[in-house]
Protein backbone atom coordinates (compact mmCIF):
# COMPACT_ATOMS: atom_id res chain seq x y z
CA ASP A 1 25.70 17.11 -14.70
CA MET A 2 23.99 13.95 -13.10
CA LEU A 3 27.35 13.22 -11.41
CA ARG A 4 27.85 16.53 -9.51
CA LEU A 5 23.63 16.41 -8.76
CA LEU A 6 23.95 12.78 -7.18
CA SER A 7 27.09 13.81 -5.49
CA GLU A 8 25.59 17.39 -3.86
CA GLU A 9 22.59 14.84 -3.31
CA ARG A 10 24.53 12.27 -1.32
CA ALA A 11 26.28 14.83 0.61
CA ALA A 12 23.45 16.59 1.45
CA LYS A 13 21.68 13.46 2.82
CA SER A 14 24.94 12.08 4.33
CA VAL A 15 25.10 8.80 2.23
CA SER A 16 27.85 7.05 0.80
CA PRO A 17 27.78 5.42 -2.14
CA HIS A 18 27.50 1.68 -2.19
CA PRO A 19 28.80 -0.25 -4.69
CA TYR A 20 26.00 -3.48 -5.77
CA LEU A 21 26.13 -6.69 -6.80
CA THR A 22 24.19 -7.72 -10.15
CA GLN A 23 22.09 -9.98 -7.86
CA ASP A 24 21.78 -7.41 -5.05
CA LEU A 25 19.94 -5.08 -8.17
CA GLN A 26 17.86 -7.72 -9.36
CA ASP A 27 16.59 -8.25 -5.56
CA ARG A 28 15.98 -4.76 -4.88
CA LEU A 29 13.94 -4.18 -8.65
CA LEU A 30 12.00 -7.21 -8.19
CA CYS A 31 11.07 -7.04 -4.62
CA ALA A 32 9.72 -3.53 -5.44
CA LEU A 33 7.79 -4.60 -8.39
CA ILE A 34 6.53 -7.43 -6.00
CA ASN A 35 5.39 -5.28 -2.90
CA GLU A 36 3.67 -2.94 -4.94
CA GLY A 37 1.93 -5.92 -6.61
CA ALA A 38 0.67 -6.86 -3.17
CA HIS A 39 -0.41 -3.29 -2.13
CA LEU A 40 -2.35 -3.02 -5.73
CA LEU A 41 -3.96 -6.62 -4.13
CA GLU A 42 -4.42 -5.32 -1.01
CA GLU A 43 -6.21 -2.12 -2.01
CA GLY A 44 -8.36 -4.09 -4.49
CA ILE A 45 -6.80 -2.21 -7.63
CA ALA A 46 -5.91 -5.72 -9.28
CA SER A 47 -8.65 -8.77 -8.14
CA SER A 48 -5.35 -11.40 -8.52
CA ALA A 49 -1.64 -11.91 -8.63
CA PHE A 50 -2.28 -13.60 -12.27
CA ASP A 51 -3.90 -9.75 -13.49
CA ILE A 52 -0.61 -8.08 -12.34
CA ASP A 53 1.62 -10.99 -13.77
CA VAL A 54 -0.30 -10.68 -17.16
CA VAL A 55 0.25 -6.47 -17.02
CA MET A 56 3.85 -7.01 -16.49
CA MET A 57 4.57 -9.47 -19.40
CA HIS A 58 2.84 -7.07 -21.76
CA GLY A 59 3.54 -4.05 -20.15
CA LEU A 60 7.47 -4.68 -19.41
CA GLY A 61 8.10 -7.56 -21.25
CA PHE A 62 8.57 -10.11 -18.54
CA PRO A 63 8.88 -13.28 -20.55
CA ARG A 64 5.71 -15.13 -20.77
CA GLN A 65 7.34 -18.91 -20.26
CA LYS A 66 8.51 -17.59 -17.05
CA GLY A 67 5.86 -15.24 -16.19
CA GLY A 68 5.89 -11.99 -14.18
CA PRO A 69 6.74 -10.64 -11.02
CA MET A 70 4.26 -12.25 -8.67
CA ASN A 71 4.62 -15.49 -10.25
CA TYR A 72 8.50 -15.01 -9.47
CA ALA A 73 7.79 -14.81 -5.80
CA ASP A 74 5.64 -17.68 -5.90
CA ARG A 75 8.24 -19.66 -7.17
CA ARG A 76 11.24 -18.15 -5.09
CA SER A 77 8.90 -18.15 -1.40
CA LEU A 78 6.91 -14.93 -0.37
CA PHE A 79 9.13 -15.64 2.57
CA GLU A 80 12.29 -14.90 1.17
CA ILE A 81 10.71 -12.01 -0.56
CA HIS A 82 9.12 -11.00 2.67
CA ARG A 83 12.99 -11.04 4.49
CA LEU A 84 14.61 -9.22 1.56
CA THR A 85 11.72 -6.64 1.90
CA SER A 86 11.84 -6.14 5.79
CA GLN A 87 15.87 -5.47 4.91
CA PHE A 88 15.26 -3.01 2.45
CA ALA A 89 12.48 -0.99 4.86
CA ALA A 90 14.84 -1.37 7.55
CA GLU A 91 17.90 0.54 5.45
CA ASP A 92 15.08 3.14 4.25
CA PRO A 93 11.60 3.34 5.60
CA GLU A 94 11.22 6.57 3.56
CA VAL A 95 10.84 4.72 0.75
CA TRP A 96 9.91 0.94 1.38
CA GLN A 97 6.95 -0.08 3.35
CA VAL A 98 6.22 -3.52 3.23
CA SER A 99 2.61 -4.68 2.45
CA LYS A 100 0.63 -6.43 4.97
CA LEU A 101 -0.39 -9.15 2.48
CA LEU A 102 3.07 -9.90 1.83
CA ALA A 103 4.44 -10.05 5.38
CA GLN A 104 0.70 -12.12 6.05
CA ARG A 105 1.18 -14.51 3.06
CA ALA A 106 4.76 -15.23 4.25
CA GLY A 107 4.08 -15.67 7.50
CA GLU A 108 1.69 -18.15 6.74
CA ARG A 109 3.83 -19.93 4.21
CA GLN A 110 1.47 -19.27 1.24
CA THR A 111 1.56 -17.87 -2.21
CA PHE A 112 -0.07 -15.34 -4.07
CA GLY A 113 -1.51 -18.03 -6.17
CA GLN A 114 -3.13 -19.12 -3.25
CA GLY A 115 -5.33 -16.33 -2.41
């Protein structure tokens, strides 16, 4: 069963379960989407943050009146999103690679909408 598999995988990797608050889970999920969106912009796969948000609204059901994850990042501040994403990368560098574009825009106190 799934719980047994998780337990075995944790033991194999010496990982202990960690209780997360709802805000922690939301931050991790949104930062993952935002960071990957920034990678798409870096690589030229997406031409704008707005295009990513449109896909996220239509594909994943983000509410239109609030925009998508890239708009959320701009409103919350790229500095804060970068801080959180860097924290997650320090905890698990195998999974998290912070986007250079995210780091640059955060350092310059810009938004994705400015690019």
